[in-house]
Amino acid sequence: MTRFPPCCHAAAFLTALAVSLWLCGTSRAQITSRFDQNDEGWTMVDLPFSSSGPFTTALSNYPSVYSPTNGNPGGYIFLVDPGSSRVFYFQAPAAYLGNRSNYYGGALSFDIKREHGSLLNFVDLVLVGGGFTFFADAGAGPNAGVWTNYTLPLSEAGGWKKDTLTGATPTAAEFRGLLGNLSALRIRGEYSTSSGDTGMLDNVSMSLPLPPALSVGRSLSNGLQLCWNSKTGTVYQVQSLADLNGKSWTNIPTLLVPGNGSNLCTVVASTNGSEQYFRVVESP
């Protein structure tokens, strides 16, 4: 049986050439909150109900309320509107914050459910960090009494705006800068101006960008051609391993390849019939 190392995606196994190909990102970690045991450190904050959007600093803080059942599935957190003239948001714990620059190009996903009142259109997401504040409209508001999933890219392509929902689109460098020092992640919980309205949150995940698919271009007289979809501004390192029980992958010094935003190919030298494993990782 072919064994796959942790965090890597198997692209092909070539028995005739005795070569295995892998592609792996710098890390496949995913930060998640399923709320199956407790509130996982999430809290609630009030932000101003203003035409210019929420400000950076929260006005009030509340403990989240945890329910072990009726989530999507399992447990969830919620808050009944405390009755202020502000808008309340679920605020992420420290596990989501700090240097998250490697999550650029990944995604933020969550499930929302609301009860009571007519739908309020407002800012759905707030990210703060690196001297920036980005806002986003996640899409059409959730229907009452139904869990609705939202997923937004963690990049300038995700519809994010600077300072207000009508602000400028952040650049890639600005988005990386914010994620590199992320100090607040807030998801709207209030979707109505009616008294007693309730917002519920479940299944939050912050995921890294998916690695591109790695394929064999063709066999050449001097080795094997490897190809993958690359990103501009990303440098890729080809690595090799003779035995999956080996201690670590070895960089092939001559195969540090800059991405160009399209299909990228390079050649690894022939292994003369011996078994060899290859993978491509994003270089730090």
Protein backbone atom coordinates (compact mmCIF):
# COMPACT_ATOMS: atom_id res chain seq x y z
CA MET A 1 0.00 0.00 0.00
CA THR A 2 1.30 3.45 -0.90
CA ARG A 3 1.58 5.63 2.22
CA PHE A 4 0.83 9.34 2.01
CA PRO A 5 2.72 11.73 4.32
CA PRO A 6 0.64 14.12 6.46
CA CYS A 7 -0.67 17.33 4.82
CA CYS A 8 0.20 16.28 1.28
CA HIS A 9 -2.02 15.53 -1.67
CA ALA A 10 -1.09 12.54 -3.82
CA ALA A 11 -1.07 13.52 -7.48
CA ALA A 12 0.16 10.30 -9.10
CA PHE A 13 2.08 7.08 -8.51
CA LEU A 14 4.17 5.91 -11.45
CA THR A 15 5.15 2.29 -10.93
CA ALA A 16 6.98 2.05 -14.23
CA LEU A 17 9.22 4.95 -13.30
CA ALA A 18 9.25 4.12 -9.60
CA VAL A 19 8.42 7.75 -8.80
CA SER A 20 5.73 9.24 -6.57
CA LEU A 21 4.63 12.87 -6.91
CA TRP A 22 3.27 15.07 -4.16
CA LEU A 23 2.24 18.64 -3.72
CA CYS A 24 2.05 20.20 -0.29
CA GLY A 25 1.54 23.70 1.04
CA THR A 26 3.63 25.16 3.83
CA SER A 27 1.02 23.83 6.27
CA ARG A 28 -2.44 22.31 5.93
CA ALA A 29 -3.60 23.58 9.31
CA GLN A 30 -7.17 24.80 9.55
CA ILE A 31 -8.50 26.85 12.44
CA THR A 32 -12.02 25.72 13.31
CA SER A 33 -14.78 26.28 15.84
CA ARG A 34 -17.49 23.59 15.83
CA PHE A 35 -18.86 24.47 19.30
CA ASP A 36 -19.56 20.84 20.12
CA GLN A 37 -18.26 21.16 23.71
CA ASN A 38 -18.31 24.87 24.64
CA ASP A 39 -18.08 28.41 23.24
CA GLU A 40 -14.36 27.92 22.41
CA GLY A 41 -13.48 31.40 23.66
CA TRP A 42 -15.75 33.38 21.33
CA THR A 43 -17.30 36.55 22.76
CA MET A 44 -19.76 39.19 21.59
CA VAL A 45 -19.10 42.89 20.96
CA ASP A 46 -21.20 45.90 20.03
CA LEU A 47 -20.13 48.14 17.16
CA PRO A 48 -21.69 51.46 16.10
CA PHE A 49 -24.70 51.36 13.80
CA SER A 50 -23.28 53.94 11.43
CA SER A 51 -23.58 54.66 7.72
CA SER A 52 -19.78 54.62 7.55
CA GLY A 53 -19.64 51.08 8.93
CA PRO A 54 -18.30 49.62 12.17
CA PHE A 55 -15.32 51.26 13.79
CA THR A 56 -12.19 49.44 14.90
CA THR A 57 -12.89 49.61 18.65
CA ALA A 58 -15.74 47.64 20.20
CA LEU A 59 -18.11 49.67 22.38
CA SER A 60 -19.37 46.86 24.63
CA ASN A 61 -18.44 43.26 25.35
CA TYR A 62 -20.75 40.38 26.22
CA PRO A 63 -20.14 36.74 27.06
CA SER A 64 -21.43 34.45 24.34
CA VAL A 65 -24.24 32.03 25.21
CA TYR A 66 -23.60 28.37 24.44
CA SER A 67 -26.11 25.71 23.46
CA PRO A 68 -25.00 22.05 23.19
CA THR A 69 -27.82 21.12 20.80
CA ASN A 70 -29.68 22.38 17.70
CA GLY A 71 -26.53 23.61 15.95
CA ASN A 72 -25.60 22.61 12.41
CA PRO A 73 -25.21 20.01 13.88
CA GLY A 74 -24.14 19.77 17.54
CA GLY A 75 -23.63 22.90 19.60
CA TYR A 76 -23.56 26.58 18.66
CA ILE A 77 -23.23 30.02 20.23
CA PHE A 78 -25.82 32.78 20.18
CA LEU A 79 -26.95 36.06 21.67
CA VAL A 80 -30.36 37.65 22.11
CA ASP A 81 -30.17 41.33 21.20
CA PRO A 82 -29.40 43.22 24.43
CA GLY A 83 -31.50 46.11 23.15
CA SER A 84 -28.81 48.69 22.39
CA SER A 85 -28.82 51.01 19.39
CA ARG A 86 -25.69 49.24 18.13
CA VAL A 87 -25.02 46.07 16.14
CA PHE A 88 -23.60 43.00 17.87
CA TYR A 89 -20.88 40.77 16.41
CA PHE A 90 -19.33 37.42 17.29
CA GLN A 91 -15.65 38.03 18.05
CA ALA A 92 -13.01 35.37 17.38
CA PRO A 93 -10.64 34.17 20.14
CA ALA A 94 -6.84 34.36 20.11
CA ALA A 95 -6.55 31.09 18.14
CA TYR A 96 -7.51 33.02 14.98
CA LEU A 97 -5.31 36.04 15.58
CA GLY A 98 -1.65 37.02 15.27
CA ASN A 99 0.47 36.30 12.23
CA ARG A 100 -1.89 34.62 9.76
CA SER A 101 -0.16 35.81 6.61
CA ASN A 102 0.03 32.24 5.28
CA TYR A 103 -3.78 32.23 5.16
CA TYR A 104 -3.74 34.80 2.37
CA GLY A 105 -5.63 33.23 -0.54
CA GLY A 106 -7.44 30.84 1.80
CA ALA A 107 -11.02 31.25 2.98
CA LEU A 108 -13.20 32.15 5.94
CA SER A 109 -16.35 30.04 6.25
CA PHE A 110 -19.17 30.09 8.82
CA ASP A 111 -22.84 29.20 9.37
CA ILE A 112 -25.34 31.84 10.53
CA LYS A 113 -28.91 31.51 11.72
CA ARG A 114 -31.23 34.31 12.82
CA GLU A 115 -34.63 34.50 14.47
CA HIS A 116 -37.27 37.24 14.71
CA GLY A 117 -37.70 40.52 12.88
CA SER A 118 -37.18 41.82 9.38
CA LEU A 119 -33.75 41.57 7.77
CA LEU A 120 -31.23 44.35 8.45
CA ASN A 121 -28.69 45.08 5.73
CA PHE A 122 -25.32 45.97 7.22
CA VAL A 123 -21.63 45.01 7.33
CA ASP A 124 -21.25 41.25 7.80
CA LEU A 125 -17.52 40.86 8.47
CA VAL A 126 -14.80 43.00 10.03
CA LEU A 127 -11.05 42.27 9.96
CA VAL A 128 -8.61 44.48 11.88
CA GLY A 129 -4.83 44.33 11.83
CA GLY A 130 -1.58 45.81 10.55
CA GLY A 131 -3.03 49.32 10.64
CA PHE A 132 -5.97 48.33 8.40
CA THR A 133 -9.68 47.67 8.85
CA PHE A 134 -11.45 45.71 6.12
CA PHE A 135 -15.21 45.20 5.79
CA ALA A 136 -17.21 42.74 3.70
CA ASP A 137 -20.77 42.01 2.71
CA ALA A 138 -21.01 38.19 2.78
CA GLY A 139 -24.04 38.09 0.47
CA ALA A 140 -27.81 37.90 0.80
CA GLY A 141 -28.86 37.87 4.45
CA PRO A 142 -29.97 34.58 6.04
CA ASN A 143 -33.64 33.66 6.03
CA ALA A 144 -35.15 33.45 9.50
CA GLY A 145 -34.92 30.05 11.19
CA VAL A 146 -32.52 28.51 8.64
CA TRP A 147 -28.79 27.83 8.94
CA THR A 148 -26.99 29.57 6.06
CA ASN A 149 -23.35 29.04 5.08
CA TYR A 150 -21.11 31.86 3.91
CA THR A 151 -17.59 31.49 2.52
CA LEU A 152 -15.35 34.43 1.58
CA PRO A 153 -11.83 34.37 0.15
CA LEU A 154 -9.15 35.81 2.42
CA SER A 155 -7.78 38.05 -0.31
CA GLU A 156 -8.63 41.24 -2.16
CA ALA A 157 -10.76 39.07 -4.49
CA GLY A 158 -13.25 38.41 -1.70
CA GLY A 159 -15.17 41.68 -2.01
CA TRP A 160 -13.39 43.29 0.97
CA LYS A 161 -13.24 47.07 1.26
CA LYS A 162 -11.07 49.40 3.30
CA ASP A 163 -12.63 51.49 6.09
CA THR A 164 -16.24 51.31 4.76
CA LEU A 165 -18.30 49.05 2.52
CA THR A 166 -17.94 51.67 -0.22
CA GLY A 167 -14.20 52.09 0.33
CA ALA A 168 -11.34 51.13 -1.92
CA THR A 169 -10.45 47.49 -2.55
CA PRO A 170 -7.29 46.56 -0.62
CA THR A 171 -4.20 45.55 -2.54
CA ALA A 172 -2.61 42.12 -2.15
CA ALA A 173 0.19 43.68 -0.08
CA GLU A 174 -2.33 45.39 2.20
CA PHE A 175 -4.29 42.19 2.70
CA ARG A 176 -1.12 40.26 3.54
CA GLY A 177 -0.18 43.07 5.93
CA LEU A 178 -3.51 42.84 7.75
CA LEU A 179 -3.34 39.04 8.04
CA GLY A 180 0.27 39.29 9.21
CA ASN A 181 -0.88 41.05 12.37
CA LEU A 182 -4.55 40.13 12.69
CA SER A 183 -5.95 41.64 15.90
CA ALA A 184 -9.73 41.18 15.43
CA LEU A 185 -12.08 38.99 13.40
CA ARG A 186 -15.77 39.79 13.81
CA ILE A 187 -18.83 38.11 12.28
CA ARG A 188 -22.19 39.85 12.44
CA GLY A 189 -24.77 38.29 14.75
CA GLU A 190 -27.52 40.92 14.60
CA TYR A 191 -29.70 40.83 11.50
CA SER A 192 -32.76 42.79 12.61
CA THR A 193 -33.62 46.02 14.44
CA SER A 194 -36.52 44.26 16.16
CA SER A 195 -36.43 43.77 19.91
CA GLY A 196 -35.42 40.29 21.02
CA ASP A 197 -33.89 39.24 17.71
CA THR A 198 -31.38 36.39 18.03
CA GLY A 199 -28.21 35.62 16.08
CA MET A 200 -26.53 32.19 16.07
CA LEU A 201 -23.09 31.03 14.85
CA ASP A 202 -21.67 27.58 14.04
CA ASN A 203 -18.95 25.87 12.02
CA VAL A 204 -16.40 28.66 11.68
CA SER A 205 -13.26 27.73 9.75
CA MET A 206 -10.26 29.70 8.59
CA SER A 207 -8.42 27.66 5.98
CA LEU A 208 -5.16 27.92 4.08
CA PRO A 209 -5.14 28.20 0.28
CA LEU A 210 -5.48 24.86 -1.48
CA PRO A 211 -2.35 23.66 -3.25
CA PRO A 212 -2.48 23.45 -7.04
CA ALA A 213 -2.71 20.05 -8.70
CA LEU A 214 0.64 18.47 -9.54
CA SER A 215 0.92 16.37 -12.68
CA VAL A 216 3.47 14.61 -14.84
CA GLY A 217 4.03 16.52 -18.04
CA ARG A 218 6.05 13.76 -19.75
CA SER A 219 9.13 11.62 -19.41
CA LEU A 220 12.23 13.14 -20.94
CA SER A 221 15.64 11.69 -21.72
CA ASN A 222 17.13 13.72 -18.86
CA GLY A 223 14.36 13.15 -16.33
CA LEU A 224 10.70 13.78 -15.58
CA GLN A 225 8.72 16.94 -16.28
CA LEU A 226 6.53 18.11 -13.36
CA CYS A 227 3.79 20.69 -13.89
CA TRP A 228 1.45 22.64 -11.58
CA ASN A 229 -0.74 25.73 -11.58
CA SER A 230 1.31 28.54 -10.06
CA LYS A 231 0.54 31.90 -8.47
CA THR A 232 2.32 35.11 -9.35
CA GLY A 233 4.47 36.31 -6.46
CA THR A 234 4.89 32.82 -5.00
CA VAL A 235 8.16 30.88 -5.18
CA TYR A 236 7.99 27.07 -5.31
CA GLN A 237 10.60 24.63 -4.02
CA VAL A 238 10.84 21.12 -5.47
CA GLN A 239 11.84 18.56 -2.84
CA SER A 240 12.78 14.88 -2.98
CA LEU A 241 12.77 11.88 -0.67
CA ALA A 242 14.16 8.40 -1.32
CA ASP A 243 12.18 6.67 1.44
CA LEU A 244 8.93 7.76 3.10
CA ASN A 245 10.41 6.52 6.37
CA GLY A 246 13.21 9.04 5.92
CA LYS A 247 13.62 11.88 8.36
CA SER A 248 12.90 14.81 6.08
CA TRP A 249 12.40 16.03 2.55
CA THR A 250 15.45 17.47 0.80
CA ASN A 251 15.38 20.65 -1.26
CA ILE A 252 16.63 20.31 -4.82
CA PRO A 253 18.72 23.51 -4.89
CA THR A 254 18.44 24.03 -8.62
CA LEU A 255 14.64 23.78 -8.52
CA LEU A 256 13.52 26.94 -6.70
CA VAL A 257 10.97 28.20 -9.21
CA PRO A 258 9.08 31.55 -9.24
CA GLY A 259 5.38 31.31 -10.10
CA ASN A 260 4.00 33.15 -13.11
CA GLY A 261 0.24 32.85 -12.61
CA SER A 262 -0.12 30.02 -15.14
CA ASN A 263 0.81 26.37 -15.63
CA LEU A 264 4.44 25.97 -14.61
CA CYS A 265 6.71 23.07 -15.54
CA THR A 266 10.19 22.00 -14.47
CA VAL A 267 12.33 18.89 -14.90
CA VAL A 268 13.64 16.62 -12.16
CA ALA A 269 16.67 14.50 -12.99
CA SER A 270 16.30 10.80 -13.70
CA THR A 271 16.59 8.50 -10.67
CA ASN A 272 18.02 5.62 -12.79
CA GLY A 273 15.23 3.26 -11.83
CA SER A 274 15.44 3.73 -8.07
CA GLU A 275 12.33 4.69 -6.14
CA GLN A 276 12.06 8.42 -5.52
CA TYR A 277 9.38 10.74 -4.17
CA PHE A 278 8.90 14.36 -5.16
CA ARG A 279 6.76 17.20 -3.86
CA VAL A 280 6.43 20.95 -4.43
CA VAL A 281 5.97 23.38 -1.55
CA GLU A 282 5.51 27.11 -1.38
CA SER A 283 8.81 28.58 -0.27
CA PRO A 284 8.59 30.93 2.76
